[in-house]
Amino acid sequence: MEPFIDSKTLSPWEPGILALALFALFSLFVVIMIHLAASWLGEKKPNAEKLQPYECGIFPTGAARLRYPVAFYLIAVFFLIFDVEAAFIFSWAIAFGRLGWSGWLQISFCMIILLMSLFYIWKKGGLEWGSKTRKSSVTQETSF
């Protein structure tokens, strides 16, 4: 007598998945046990010096959390947008011969949209880096 093996119910991946699951559980168990042993056996003598954040031998001054100006994030987002567009244009240039006029029209449309968005950002002042000051209206009394 031979054992019945149904090829639809048993997959060649099942033994590998079982071994992977057992390995993952055993690894997780070992990590947890090492962590518990280290916390139980470790020396605990907290003092003010140990509780200070370490900054390469320099005494910390002020808060570590600083607010960055929004301009940093805007420039980063603009860079990402235009960098991705540059990657599209580069890939189009590689396949220029195979794409023909259809590809040329599509990349032209993409570049027109890109230029329109650049001019819009420029017009709205998204590329201005300095501080924003209001232009006061000149009156008769202050002008000479």
N, C-alpha and C. Protein backbone atom coordinates (compact mmCIF):
# COMPACT_ATOMS: atom_id res chain seq x y z
N MET A 1 0.82 -1.19 0.00
CA MET A 1 0.00 0.00 0.00
C MET A 1 0.86 1.25 0.00
N GLU A 2 0.42 2.21 -0.77
CA GLU A 2 1.13 3.48 -0.83
C GLU A 2 0.30 4.56 -0.15
N PRO A 3 0.98 5.54 0.49
CA PRO A 3 0.22 6.63 1.11
C PRO A 3 -0.44 7.50 0.05
N PHE A 4 -1.62 8.00 0.39
CA PHE A 4 -2.36 8.86 -0.52
C PHE A 4 -1.87 10.29 -0.35
N ILE A 5 -1.38 10.87 -1.42
CA ILE A 5 -0.93 12.26 -1.40
C ILE A 5 -1.73 13.00 -2.45
N ASP A 6 -2.54 13.93 -1.98
CA ASP A 6 -3.32 14.75 -2.90
C ASP A 6 -2.49 15.99 -3.23
N SER A 7 -2.17 16.15 -4.51
CA SER A 7 -1.31 17.26 -4.90
C SER A 7 -2.00 18.61 -4.75
N LYS A 8 -3.33 18.63 -4.65
CA LYS A 8 -4.04 19.89 -4.52
C LYS A 8 -3.99 20.41 -3.08
N THR A 9 -3.92 19.52 -2.11
CA THR A 9 -3.94 19.97 -0.72
C THR A 9 -2.56 20.24 -0.18
N LEU A 10 -1.56 19.51 -0.66
CA LEU A 10 -0.20 19.72 -0.17
C LEU A 10 0.60 20.49 -1.20
N SER A 11 1.18 21.54 -0.75
CA SER A 11 1.98 22.38 -1.62
C SER A 11 3.45 22.18 -1.29
N PRO A 12 4.35 22.40 -2.23
CA PRO A 12 5.77 22.30 -1.89
C PRO A 12 6.21 23.40 -0.93
N TRP A 13 5.39 24.43 -0.72
CA TRP A 13 5.76 25.53 0.16
C TRP A 13 5.41 25.25 1.62
N GLU A 14 4.51 24.31 1.88
CA GLU A 14 4.05 24.09 3.25
C GLU A 14 5.17 23.68 4.21
N PRO A 15 6.07 22.78 3.86
CA PRO A 15 7.15 22.46 4.81
C PRO A 15 8.05 23.66 5.06
N GLY A 16 8.30 24.45 4.05
CA GLY A 16 9.14 25.64 4.22
C GLY A 16 8.47 26.68 5.09
N ILE A 17 7.18 26.85 4.95
CA ILE A 17 6.45 27.83 5.75
C ILE A 17 6.42 27.39 7.20
N LEU A 18 6.22 26.10 7.44
CA LEU A 18 6.22 25.61 8.82
C LEU A 18 7.59 25.81 9.46
N ALA A 19 8.66 25.51 8.74
CA ALA A 19 10.00 25.71 9.28
C ALA A 19 10.27 27.19 9.53
N LEU A 20 9.82 28.06 8.64
CA LEU A 20 10.00 29.50 8.82
C LEU A 20 9.24 29.99 10.05
N ALA A 21 8.00 29.52 10.23
CA ALA A 21 7.21 29.94 11.39
C ALA A 21 7.86 29.46 12.69
N LEU A 22 8.34 28.22 12.71
CA LEU A 22 9.01 27.71 13.91
C LEU A 22 10.30 28.48 14.19
N PHE A 23 11.06 28.79 13.16
CA PHE A 23 12.28 29.56 13.33
C PHE A 23 11.98 30.96 13.86
N ALA A 24 10.93 31.60 13.33
CA ALA A 24 10.56 32.94 13.79
C ALA A 24 10.13 32.91 15.25
N LEU A 25 9.32 31.93 15.63
CA LEU A 25 8.88 31.83 17.03
C LEU A 25 10.06 31.54 17.96
N PHE A 26 10.94 30.65 17.56
CA PHE A 26 12.11 30.34 18.39
C PHE A 26 13.02 31.58 18.53
N SER A 27 13.21 32.30 17.42
CA SER A 27 14.05 33.51 17.48
C SER A 27 13.43 34.56 18.38
N LEU A 28 12.12 34.75 18.29
CA LEU A 28 11.43 35.70 19.15
C LEU A 28 11.55 35.29 20.62
N PHE A 29 11.42 33.99 20.89
CA PHE A 29 11.57 33.49 22.26
C PHE A 29 12.98 33.75 22.79
N VAL A 30 13.99 33.51 21.97
CA VAL A 30 15.37 33.74 22.40
C VAL A 30 15.62 35.22 22.67
N VAL A 31 15.13 36.09 21.81
CA VAL A 31 15.31 37.53 22.00
C VAL A 31 14.64 37.98 23.29
N ILE A 32 13.43 37.52 23.54
CA ILE A 32 12.72 37.90 24.77
C ILE A 32 13.46 37.39 26.00
N MET A 33 13.95 36.16 25.94
CA MET A 33 14.68 35.59 27.10
C MET A 33 15.98 36.36 27.36
N ILE A 34 16.71 36.71 26.32
CA ILE A 34 17.95 37.47 26.51
C ILE A 34 17.65 38.84 27.08
N HIS A 35 16.59 39.47 26.60
CA HIS A 35 16.21 40.79 27.12
C HIS A 35 15.82 40.71 28.59
N LEU A 36 15.04 39.71 28.95
CA LEU A 36 14.64 39.54 30.35
C LEU A 36 15.86 39.24 31.24
N ALA A 37 16.76 38.39 30.76
CA ALA A 37 17.96 38.06 31.54
C ALA A 37 18.84 39.29 31.72
N ALA A 38 18.98 40.10 30.70
CA ALA A 38 19.80 41.31 30.80
C ALA A 38 19.18 42.32 31.76
N SER A 39 17.86 42.46 31.72
CA SER A 39 17.23 43.40 32.64
C SER A 39 17.24 42.89 34.07
N TRP A 40 17.21 41.59 34.26
CA TRP A 40 17.23 41.02 35.62
C TRP A 40 18.64 41.02 36.20
N LEU A 41 19.65 40.71 35.37
CA LEU A 41 21.02 40.62 35.86
C LEU A 41 21.77 41.94 35.81
N GLY A 42 21.29 42.88 35.05
CA GLY A 42 21.99 44.14 34.88
C GLY A 42 22.00 44.99 36.13
N GLU A 43 23.03 45.81 36.27
CA GLU A 43 23.17 46.68 37.42
C GLU A 43 22.34 47.95 37.20
N LYS A 44 21.58 48.30 38.23
CA LYS A 44 20.71 49.46 38.12
C LYS A 44 21.07 50.47 39.21
N LYS A 45 21.83 51.48 38.84
CA LYS A 45 22.19 52.56 39.75
C LYS A 45 21.97 53.89 39.03
N PRO A 46 20.73 54.31 38.89
CA PRO A 46 20.51 55.57 38.16
C PRO A 46 20.93 56.77 39.00
N ASN A 47 21.54 57.73 38.36
CA ASN A 47 21.87 58.99 39.01
C ASN A 47 21.68 60.11 37.99
N ALA A 48 21.87 61.32 38.42
CA ALA A 48 21.61 62.47 37.53
C ALA A 48 22.54 62.46 36.31
N GLU A 49 23.77 62.02 36.50
CA GLU A 49 24.72 62.00 35.38
C GLU A 49 24.32 60.98 34.32
N LYS A 50 23.85 59.81 34.76
CA LYS A 50 23.45 58.77 33.83
C LYS A 50 22.14 59.08 33.11
N LEU A 51 21.30 59.88 33.73
CA LEU A 51 20.01 60.18 33.14
C LEU A 51 20.06 61.31 32.13
N GLN A 52 21.19 62.00 32.02
CA GLN A 52 21.33 63.06 31.02
C GLN A 52 21.58 62.46 29.64
N PRO A 53 21.06 63.10 28.60
CA PRO A 53 21.35 62.59 27.26
C PRO A 53 22.82 62.78 26.92
N TYR A 54 23.38 61.78 26.24
CA TYR A 54 24.79 61.84 25.88
C TYR A 54 24.94 62.51 24.53
N GLU A 55 25.79 63.53 24.45
CA GLU A 55 26.02 64.24 23.21
C GLU A 55 27.51 64.36 22.93
N CYS A 56 28.18 63.24 22.79
CA CYS A 56 29.59 63.18 22.41
C CYS A 56 30.49 63.96 23.37
N GLY A 57 30.22 63.92 24.63
CA GLY A 57 31.07 64.58 25.61
C GLY A 57 30.76 66.04 25.82
N ILE A 58 29.83 66.59 25.08
CA ILE A 58 29.46 67.99 25.23
C ILE A 58 28.23 68.06 26.13
N PHE A 59 28.25 68.96 27.06
CA PHE A 59 27.10 69.10 27.94
C PHE A 59 25.91 69.64 27.15
N PRO A 60 24.76 68.99 27.27
CA PRO A 60 23.60 69.43 26.49
C PRO A 60 23.10 70.79 26.95
N THR A 61 22.74 71.62 26.00
CA THR A 61 22.18 72.94 26.31
C THR A 61 20.89 73.10 25.53
N GLY A 62 19.87 73.51 26.17
CA GLY A 62 18.59 73.76 25.52
C GLY A 62 17.86 72.48 25.16
N ALA A 63 16.75 72.67 24.50
CA ALA A 63 15.92 71.53 24.10
C ALA A 63 16.46 70.90 22.82
N ALA A 64 16.26 69.61 22.68
CA ALA A 64 16.72 68.90 21.49
C ALA A 64 15.74 69.07 20.33
N ARG A 65 14.53 69.43 20.63
CA ARG A 65 13.51 69.59 19.60
C ARG A 65 13.46 71.04 19.14
N LEU A 66 13.88 71.28 17.93
CA LEU A 66 13.85 72.62 17.36
C LEU A 66 12.83 72.66 16.24
N ARG A 67 12.21 73.78 16.08
CA ARG A 67 11.25 73.95 14.98
C ARG A 67 12.01 74.43 13.74
N TYR A 68 11.80 73.70 12.65
CA TYR A 68 12.41 74.10 11.39
C TYR A 68 11.42 74.97 10.63
N PRO A 69 11.91 75.93 9.90
CA PRO A 69 11.00 76.75 9.09
C PRO A 69 10.33 75.90 8.01
N VAL A 70 9.14 76.28 7.64
CA VAL A 70 8.38 75.55 6.63
C VAL A 70 9.11 75.56 5.29
N ALA A 71 9.92 76.56 5.06
CA ALA A 71 10.63 76.66 3.77
C ALA A 71 11.49 75.43 3.51
N PHE A 72 12.07 74.83 4.56
CA PHE A 72 12.87 73.61 4.37
C PHE A 72 12.01 72.49 3.79
N TYR A 73 10.81 72.31 4.34
CA TYR A 73 9.93 71.25 3.87
C TYR A 73 9.41 71.55 2.47
N LEU A 74 9.09 72.80 2.19
CA LEU A 74 8.61 73.16 0.85
C LEU A 74 9.66 72.89 -0.21
N ILE A 75 10.88 73.30 0.06
CA ILE A 75 11.96 73.07 -0.90
C ILE A 75 12.19 71.57 -1.08
N ALA A 76 12.11 70.80 0.00
CA ALA A 76 12.29 69.35 -0.11
C ALA A 76 11.19 68.72 -0.96
N VAL A 77 9.95 69.14 -0.76
CA VAL A 77 8.85 68.59 -1.55
C VAL A 77 8.98 69.01 -3.01
N PHE A 78 9.33 70.26 -3.25
CA PHE A 78 9.51 70.70 -4.63
C PHE A 78 10.64 69.91 -5.30
N PHE A 79 11.71 69.67 -4.57
CA PHE A 79 12.81 68.89 -5.13
C PHE A 79 12.34 67.49 -5.49
N LEU A 80 11.58 66.85 -4.61
CA LEU A 80 11.11 65.50 -4.90
C LEU A 80 10.22 65.47 -6.14
N ILE A 81 9.31 66.44 -6.23
CA ILE A 81 8.41 66.47 -7.38
C ILE A 81 9.19 66.63 -8.67
N PHE A 82 10.09 67.60 -8.72
CA PHE A 82 10.82 67.85 -9.95
C PHE A 82 11.87 66.78 -10.22
N ASP A 83 12.37 66.13 -9.19
CA ASP A 83 13.33 65.05 -9.38
C ASP A 83 12.64 63.83 -9.99
N VAL A 84 11.44 63.51 -9.53
CA VAL A 84 10.69 62.40 -10.12
C VAL A 84 10.36 62.70 -11.57
N GLU A 85 10.00 63.95 -11.85
CA GLU A 85 9.74 64.33 -13.24
C GLU A 85 11.00 64.18 -14.09
N ALA A 86 12.15 64.52 -13.53
CA ALA A 86 13.40 64.35 -14.27
C ALA A 86 13.66 62.88 -14.57
N ALA A 87 13.30 61.99 -13.64
CA ALA A 87 13.45 60.56 -13.89
C ALA A 87 12.53 60.10 -15.03
N PHE A 88 11.31 60.64 -15.09
CA PHE A 88 10.41 60.31 -16.19
C PHE A 88 10.98 60.80 -17.53
N ILE A 89 11.52 62.01 -17.53
CA ILE A 89 12.07 62.55 -18.77
C ILE A 89 13.30 61.75 -19.20
N PHE A 90 14.11 61.32 -18.26
CA PHE A 90 15.28 60.52 -18.59
C PHE A 90 14.87 59.18 -19.19
N SER A 91 13.87 58.53 -18.59
CA SER A 91 13.43 57.24 -19.13
C SER A 91 12.80 57.42 -20.51
N TRP A 92 12.12 58.55 -20.73
CA TRP A 92 11.59 58.83 -22.07
C TRP A 92 12.73 59.00 -23.07
N ALA A 93 13.79 59.69 -22.67
CA ALA A 93 14.92 59.91 -23.57
C ALA A 93 15.59 58.60 -23.96
N ILE A 94 15.61 57.64 -23.04
CA ILE A 94 16.20 56.33 -23.34
C ILE A 94 15.38 55.61 -24.42
N ALA A 95 14.04 55.70 -24.31
CA ALA A 95 13.15 54.97 -25.22
C ALA A 95 12.62 55.86 -26.33
N PHE A 96 13.30 56.95 -26.63
CA PHE A 96 12.82 57.92 -27.61
C PHE A 96 12.57 57.30 -28.98
N GLY A 97 13.46 56.46 -29.45
CA GLY A 97 13.33 55.87 -30.78
C GLY A 97 12.12 54.97 -30.91
N ARG A 98 11.78 54.22 -29.89
CA ARG A 98 10.66 53.29 -29.95
C ARG A 98 9.31 53.96 -29.73
N LEU A 99 9.30 55.11 -29.05
CA LEU A 99 8.02 55.76 -28.72
C LEU A 99 7.45 56.58 -29.87
N GLY A 100 8.30 57.15 -30.66
CA GLY A 100 7.85 57.91 -31.82
C GLY A 100 7.15 59.21 -31.43
N TRP A 101 6.27 59.68 -32.35
CA TRP A 101 5.59 60.96 -32.13
C TRP A 101 4.60 60.89 -30.97
N SER A 102 4.03 59.75 -30.74
CA SER A 102 3.09 59.59 -29.62
C SER A 102 3.81 59.85 -28.29
N GLY A 103 4.98 59.28 -28.14
CA GLY A 103 5.77 59.50 -26.93
C GLY A 103 6.22 60.94 -26.80
N TRP A 104 6.56 61.55 -27.96
CA TRP A 104 6.99 62.96 -27.93
C TRP A 104 5.85 63.85 -27.48
N LEU A 105 4.64 63.62 -27.96
CA LEU A 105 3.49 64.41 -27.53
C LEU A 105 3.19 64.22 -26.04
N GLN A 106 3.31 63.00 -25.56
CA GLN A 106 3.04 62.73 -24.15
C GLN A 106 4.06 63.41 -23.25
N ILE A 107 5.34 63.33 -23.60
CA ILE A 107 6.35 63.98 -22.75
C ILE A 107 6.26 65.49 -22.87
N SER A 108 5.85 65.99 -24.04
CA SER A 108 5.65 67.44 -24.18
C SER A 108 4.53 67.91 -23.27
N PHE A 109 3.44 67.16 -23.22
CA PHE A 109 2.34 67.50 -22.32
C PHE A 109 2.81 67.47 -20.87
N CYS A 110 3.59 66.46 -20.52
CA CYS A 110 4.12 66.34 -19.15
C CYS A 110 5.01 67.54 -18.82
N MET A 111 5.87 67.93 -19.75
CA MET A 111 6.76 69.06 -19.49
C MET A 111 6.02 70.39 -19.42
N ILE A 112 4.93 70.53 -20.21
CA ILE A 112 4.12 71.75 -20.12
C ILE A 112 3.47 71.85 -18.76
N ILE A 113 2.91 70.75 -18.27
CA ILE A 113 2.31 70.73 -16.92
C ILE A 113 3.38 71.04 -15.88
N LEU A 114 4.57 70.48 -16.05
CA LEU A 114 5.66 70.72 -15.12
C LEU A 114 6.07 72.19 -15.11
N LEU A 115 6.21 72.79 -16.28
CA LEU A 115 6.57 74.21 -16.35
C LEU A 115 5.47 75.11 -15.79
N MET A 116 4.21 74.76 -16.04
CA MET A 116 3.10 75.54 -15.48
C MET A 116 3.12 75.48 -13.95
N SER A 117 3.41 74.30 -13.40
CA SER A 117 3.47 74.18 -11.94
C SER A 117 4.67 74.95 -11.38
N LEU A 118 5.78 74.95 -12.10
CA LEU A 118 6.95 75.72 -11.66
C LEU A 118 6.65 77.21 -11.65
N PHE A 119 6.01 77.71 -12.70
CA PHE A 119 5.66 79.13 -12.74
C PHE A 119 4.64 79.48 -11.66
N TYR A 120 3.71 78.56 -11.39
CA TYR A 120 2.72 78.80 -10.34
C TYR A 120 3.42 78.90 -8.97
N ILE A 121 4.34 77.97 -8.70
CA ILE A 121 5.08 78.00 -7.43
C ILE A 121 5.89 79.28 -7.33
N TRP A 122 6.52 79.67 -8.42
CA TRP A 122 7.33 80.89 -8.46
C TRP A 122 6.46 82.12 -8.21
N LYS A 123 5.29 82.16 -8.84
CA LYS A 123 4.38 83.31 -8.68
C LYS A 123 3.86 83.41 -7.25
N LYS A 124 3.56 82.28 -6.63
CA LYS A 124 3.03 82.28 -5.27
C LYS A 124 4.10 82.53 -4.22
N GLY A 125 5.37 82.57 -4.61
CA GLY A 125 6.44 82.84 -3.67
C GLY A 125 6.97 81.61 -2.96
N GLY A 126 6.71 80.44 -3.52
CA GLY A 126 7.18 79.20 -2.90
C GLY A 126 8.68 79.03 -2.96
N LEU A 127 9.33 79.75 -3.85
CA LEU A 127 10.78 79.64 -3.98
C LEU A 127 11.52 80.76 -3.26
N GLU A 128 10.80 81.66 -2.62
CA GLU A 128 11.43 82.74 -1.85
C GLU A 128 11.98 82.15 -0.56
N TRP A 129 13.23 82.41 -0.28
CA TRP A 129 13.87 81.83 0.90
C TRP A 129 13.93 82.81 2.07
N GLY A 130 14.04 84.08 1.80
CA GLY A 130 14.20 85.07 2.86
C GLY A 130 12.92 85.27 3.66
N SER A 131 13.03 86.15 4.66
CA SER A 131 11.87 86.43 5.49
C SER A 131 10.85 87.21 4.68
N LYS A 132 9.61 86.98 4.99
CA LYS A 132 8.54 87.64 4.27
C LYS A 132 8.19 88.93 4.99
N THR A 133 8.34 90.04 4.32
CA THR A 133 7.99 91.32 4.91
C THR A 133 6.88 91.94 4.08
N ARG A 134 5.99 92.60 4.74
CA ARG A 134 4.89 93.25 4.05
C ARG A 134 5.37 94.56 3.47
N LYS A 135 4.97 94.80 2.26
CA LYS A 135 5.30 96.07 1.63
C LYS A 135 4.27 97.09 2.09
N SER A 136 4.71 98.08 2.82
CA SER A 136 3.78 99.10 3.30
C SER A 136 3.50 100.09 2.19
N SER A 137 2.31 100.58 2.18
CA SER A 137 1.97 101.56 1.15
C SER A 137 2.59 102.90 1.49
N VAL A 138 3.10 103.57 0.51
CA VAL A 138 3.74 104.87 0.70
C VAL A 138 2.68 105.94 0.71
N THR A 139 2.69 106.75 1.75
CA THR A 139 1.71 107.84 1.85
C THR A 139 2.36 109.16 1.49
N GLN A 140 1.55 110.18 1.35
CA GLN A 140 2.04 111.51 0.98
C GLN A 140 2.93 112.09 2.08
N GLU A 141 2.63 111.75 3.34
CA GLU A 141 3.37 112.35 4.44
C GLU A 141 4.80 111.80 4.53
N THR A 142 4.99 110.52 4.20
CA THR A 142 6.31 109.92 4.36
C THR A 142 7.16 110.03 3.10
N SER A 143 6.54 110.29 1.96
CA SER A 143 7.33 110.36 0.75
C SER A 143 7.86 111.75 0.53
N PHE A 144 8.98 111.85 -0.10
CA PHE A 144 9.61 113.17 -0.35
C PHE A 144 9.54 113.50 -1.79
